[in-house]
Amino acid sequence: MNSIKFVSALLAGAAVGAALGILFAPGKGPANRKAFSRKSSDFTNELKDKTNDFIESVVEKFEAAKEEAQQLAENGKLKAG
């Protein structure tokens, strides 16, 4: 659970930092909006990738635990029977 909070805080901080950097940049309005839009899109894609990676990791760990539990149950049945 702590790693989820850390990654979320890290990504949120990066987004806020990027937004503030673009807003306070010395460029003109249209260029800043375009850059902000591009950065927002990049951030969204990165967040989706990180989320998908995390979900895949959780699913893999769950499947491994499920298989191990099934093996333990089978071993228990063999020893009991």
N, C-alpha and C. Protein backbone atom coordinates (compact mmCIF):
# COMPACT_ATOMS: atom_id res chain seq x y z
N MET A 1 0.82 -1.19 0.00
CA MET A 1 0.00 0.00 0.00
C MET A 1 0.87 1.26 0.00
N ASN A 2 2.00 1.23 0.69
CA ASN A 2 2.87 2.40 0.74
C ASN A 2 3.46 2.72 -0.62
N SER A 3 3.77 1.69 -1.40
CA SER A 3 4.34 1.94 -2.73
C SER A 3 3.32 2.61 -3.64
N ILE A 4 2.05 2.28 -3.48
CA ILE A 4 1.00 2.92 -4.28
C ILE A 4 0.94 4.40 -3.95
N LYS A 5 0.97 4.72 -2.67
CA LYS A 5 0.92 6.11 -2.25
C LYS A 5 2.14 6.87 -2.74
N PHE A 6 3.31 6.23 -2.66
CA PHE A 6 4.54 6.88 -3.10
C PHE A 6 4.51 7.18 -4.59
N VAL A 7 4.11 6.21 -5.39
CA VAL A 7 4.06 6.40 -6.84
C VAL A 7 3.02 7.46 -7.19
N SER A 8 1.87 7.43 -6.53
CA SER A 8 0.83 8.43 -6.78
C SER A 8 1.33 9.83 -6.44
N ALA A 9 1.98 9.96 -5.30
CA ALA A 9 2.51 11.26 -4.88
C ALA A 9 3.59 11.73 -5.84
N LEU A 10 4.43 10.81 -6.27
CA LEU A 10 5.50 11.16 -7.21
C LEU A 10 4.94 11.66 -8.54
N LEU A 11 3.97 10.95 -9.07
CA LEU A 11 3.36 11.35 -10.34
C LEU A 11 2.58 12.66 -10.20
N ALA A 12 1.88 12.83 -9.10
CA ALA A 12 1.15 14.07 -8.86
C ALA A 12 2.13 15.24 -8.76
N GLY A 13 3.22 15.05 -8.06
CA GLY A 13 4.24 16.10 -7.95
C GLY A 13 4.84 16.45 -9.29
N ALA A 14 5.08 15.43 -10.10
CA ALA A 14 5.63 15.68 -11.44
C ALA A 14 4.64 16.48 -12.29
N ALA A 15 3.38 16.14 -12.18
CA ALA A 15 2.35 16.85 -12.96
C ALA A 15 2.24 18.30 -12.52
N VAL A 16 2.24 18.52 -11.22
CA VAL A 16 2.15 19.89 -10.70
C VAL A 16 3.38 20.69 -11.11
N GLY A 17 4.55 20.08 -11.00
CA GLY A 17 5.79 20.75 -11.38
C GLY A 17 5.80 21.10 -12.86
N ALA A 18 5.36 20.18 -13.70
CA ALA A 18 5.31 20.45 -15.14
C ALA A 18 4.33 21.57 -15.45
N ALA A 19 3.17 21.52 -14.81
CA ALA A 19 2.15 22.55 -15.04
C ALA A 19 2.66 23.93 -14.62
N LEU A 20 3.27 24.00 -13.45
CA LEU A 20 3.79 25.30 -12.98
C LEU A 20 4.94 25.79 -13.85
N GLY A 21 5.77 24.88 -14.30
CA GLY A 21 6.87 25.25 -15.18
C GLY A 21 6.37 25.84 -16.48
N ILE A 22 5.34 25.25 -17.03
CA ILE A 22 4.79 25.76 -18.28
C ILE A 22 4.05 27.08 -18.07
N LEU A 23 3.29 27.18 -16.97
CA LEU A 23 2.53 28.40 -16.71
C LEU A 23 3.43 29.60 -16.47
N PHE A 24 4.58 29.38 -15.85
CA PHE A 24 5.49 30.48 -15.55
C PHE A 24 6.60 30.63 -16.59
N ALA A 25 6.50 29.88 -17.67
CA ALA A 25 7.50 29.97 -18.73
C ALA A 25 7.37 31.32 -19.44
N PRO A 26 8.47 31.82 -19.99
CA PRO A 26 8.44 33.13 -20.63
C PRO A 26 7.85 33.12 -22.05
N GLY A 27 7.29 32.00 -22.49
CA GLY A 27 6.73 31.91 -23.84
C GLY A 27 5.39 32.61 -23.96
N LYS A 28 4.89 32.63 -25.20
CA LYS A 28 3.58 33.25 -25.47
C LYS A 28 2.47 32.27 -25.15
N GLY A 29 1.25 32.77 -24.98
CA GLY A 29 0.08 31.98 -24.60
C GLY A 29 -0.16 30.75 -25.45
N PRO A 30 -0.30 30.89 -26.78
CA PRO A 30 -0.58 29.71 -27.60
C PRO A 30 0.51 28.64 -27.52
N ALA A 31 1.74 29.07 -27.48
CA ALA A 31 2.85 28.10 -27.37
C ALA A 31 2.81 27.39 -26.03
N ASN A 32 2.51 28.15 -24.97
CA ASN A 32 2.42 27.55 -23.64
C ASN A 32 1.27 26.56 -23.56
N ARG A 33 0.13 26.92 -24.14
CA ARG A 33 -1.02 26.01 -24.11
C ARG A 33 -0.72 24.72 -24.87
N LYS A 34 -0.04 24.87 -26.00
CA LYS A 34 0.32 23.69 -26.79
C LYS A 34 1.30 22.80 -26.00
N ALA A 35 2.28 23.42 -25.37
CA ALA A 35 3.25 22.66 -24.58
C ALA A 35 2.56 22.01 -23.39
N PHE A 36 1.66 22.73 -22.76
CA PHE A 36 0.92 22.19 -21.61
C PHE A 36 0.07 21.00 -22.04
N SER A 37 -0.57 21.13 -23.17
CA SER A 37 -1.39 20.04 -23.71
C SER A 37 -0.54 18.81 -23.99
N ARG A 38 0.62 19.03 -24.60
CA ARG A 38 1.53 17.93 -24.92
C ARG A 38 2.04 17.25 -23.64
N LYS A 39 2.42 18.05 -22.66
CA LYS A 39 2.90 17.50 -21.38
C LYS A 39 1.79 16.75 -20.66
N SER A 40 0.58 17.29 -20.72
CA SER A 40 -0.55 16.62 -20.08
C SER A 40 -0.80 15.27 -20.73
N SER A 41 -0.72 15.24 -22.04
CA SER A 41 -0.91 13.99 -22.76
C SER A 41 0.19 12.99 -22.41
N ASP A 42 1.43 13.46 -22.35
CA ASP A 42 2.54 12.59 -21.98
C ASP A 42 2.35 12.03 -20.57
N PHE A 43 1.94 12.91 -19.66
CA PHE A 43 1.73 12.49 -18.27
C PHE A 43 0.62 11.46 -18.19
N THR A 44 -0.47 11.69 -18.91
CA THR A 44 -1.59 10.75 -18.90
C THR A 44 -1.16 9.39 -19.42
N ASN A 45 -0.40 9.39 -20.51
CA ASN A 45 0.07 8.12 -21.07
C ASN A 45 1.01 7.40 -20.11
N GLU A 46 1.88 8.16 -19.46
CA GLU A 46 2.80 7.55 -18.50
C GLU A 46 2.05 6.98 -17.31
N LEU A 47 1.04 7.70 -16.85
CA LEU A 47 0.24 7.23 -15.72
C LEU A 47 -0.50 5.95 -16.10
N LYS A 48 -1.04 5.89 -17.31
CA LYS A 48 -1.71 4.68 -17.77
C LYS A 48 -0.74 3.51 -17.82
N ASP A 49 0.45 3.74 -18.35
CA ASP A 49 1.46 2.69 -18.43
C ASP A 49 1.84 2.18 -17.04
N LYS A 50 2.08 3.10 -16.11
CA LYS A 50 2.47 2.71 -14.75
C LYS A 50 1.34 1.94 -14.07
N THR A 51 0.10 2.38 -14.29
CA THR A 51 -1.05 1.71 -13.70
C THR A 51 -1.18 0.30 -14.26
N ASN A 52 -1.04 0.17 -15.58
CA ASN A 52 -1.13 -1.15 -16.20
C ASN A 52 -0.02 -2.08 -15.70
N ASP A 53 1.19 -1.54 -15.56
CA ASP A 53 2.30 -2.34 -15.05
C ASP A 53 2.02 -2.82 -13.63
N PHE A 54 1.48 -1.92 -12.82
CA PHE A 54 1.16 -2.26 -11.43
C PHE A 54 0.08 -3.34 -11.38
N ILE A 55 -0.96 -3.19 -12.19
CA ILE A 55 -2.04 -4.16 -12.22
C ILE A 55 -1.52 -5.53 -12.67
N GLU A 56 -0.68 -5.54 -13.70
CA GLU A 56 -0.09 -6.80 -14.17
C GLU A 56 0.72 -7.46 -13.06
N SER A 57 1.47 -6.67 -12.32
CA SER A 57 2.28 -7.19 -11.23
C SER A 57 1.40 -7.82 -10.15
N VAL A 58 0.32 -7.15 -9.80
CA VAL A 58 -0.59 -7.66 -8.78
C VAL A 58 -1.25 -8.95 -9.26
N VAL A 59 -1.68 -8.98 -10.52
CA VAL A 59 -2.32 -10.17 -11.06
C VAL A 59 -1.34 -11.35 -11.06
N GLU A 60 -0.09 -11.11 -11.46
CA GLU A 60 0.91 -12.18 -11.47
C GLU A 60 1.14 -12.73 -10.07
N LYS A 61 1.25 -11.84 -9.09
CA LYS A 61 1.46 -12.27 -7.71
C LYS A 61 0.25 -13.04 -7.19
N PHE A 62 -0.94 -12.59 -7.55
CA PHE A 62 -2.16 -13.28 -7.13
C PHE A 62 -2.22 -14.68 -7.73
N GLU A 63 -1.91 -14.79 -9.01
CA GLU A 63 -1.93 -16.10 -9.68
C GLU A 63 -0.90 -17.04 -9.06
N ALA A 64 0.28 -16.52 -8.76
CA ALA A 64 1.32 -17.35 -8.13
C ALA A 64 0.86 -17.82 -6.75
N ALA A 65 0.25 -16.94 -5.99
CA ALA A 65 -0.23 -17.31 -4.65
C ALA A 65 -1.37 -18.33 -4.76
N LYS A 66 -2.22 -18.15 -5.75
CA LYS A 66 -3.33 -19.08 -5.96
C LYS A 66 -2.81 -20.48 -6.31
N GLU A 67 -1.82 -20.54 -7.19
CA GLU A 67 -1.23 -21.83 -7.56
C GLU A 67 -0.56 -22.50 -6.36
N GLU A 68 0.14 -21.71 -5.58
CA GLU A 68 0.80 -22.25 -4.39
C GLU A 68 -0.22 -22.78 -3.40
N ALA A 69 -1.33 -22.06 -3.23
CA ALA A 69 -2.38 -22.52 -2.31
C ALA A 69 -3.00 -23.82 -2.81
N GLN A 70 -3.19 -23.93 -4.12
CA GLN A 70 -3.74 -25.16 -4.68
C GLN A 70 -2.79 -26.34 -4.46
N GLN A 71 -1.51 -26.09 -4.66
CA GLN A 71 -0.52 -27.16 -4.44
C GLN A 71 -0.48 -27.59 -2.98
N LEU A 72 -0.54 -26.63 -2.08
CA LEU A 72 -0.55 -26.96 -0.65
C LEU A 72 -1.80 -27.76 -0.28
N ALA A 73 -2.94 -27.37 -0.87
CA ALA A 73 -4.19 -28.10 -0.60
C ALA A 73 -4.09 -29.53 -1.12
N GLU A 74 -3.53 -29.71 -2.28
CA GLU A 74 -3.38 -31.06 -2.85
C GLU A 74 -2.42 -31.89 -2.00
N ASN A 75 -1.33 -31.28 -1.58
CA ASN A 75 -0.38 -31.99 -0.72
C ASN A 75 -1.02 -32.38 0.60
N GLY A 76 -1.85 -31.51 1.14
CA GLY A 76 -2.56 -31.80 2.39
C GLY A 76 -3.53 -32.95 2.21
N LYS A 77 -4.22 -33.01 1.07
CA LYS A 77 -5.16 -34.10 0.80
C LYS A 77 -4.41 -35.42 0.67
N LEU A 78 -3.25 -35.40 0.02
CA LEU A 78 -2.48 -36.62 -0.15
C LEU A 78 -1.97 -37.16 1.20
N LYS A 79 -1.55 -36.25 2.05
CA LYS A 79 -1.05 -36.67 3.35
C LYS A 79 -2.19 -37.15 4.25
N ALA A 80 -3.35 -36.54 4.13
CA ALA A 80 -4.50 -36.91 4.96
C ALA A 80 -5.13 -38.21 4.46
N GLY A 81 -5.06 -38.44 3.17
CA GLY A 81 -5.75 -39.59 2.60
C GLY A 81 -4.92 -40.77 2.52
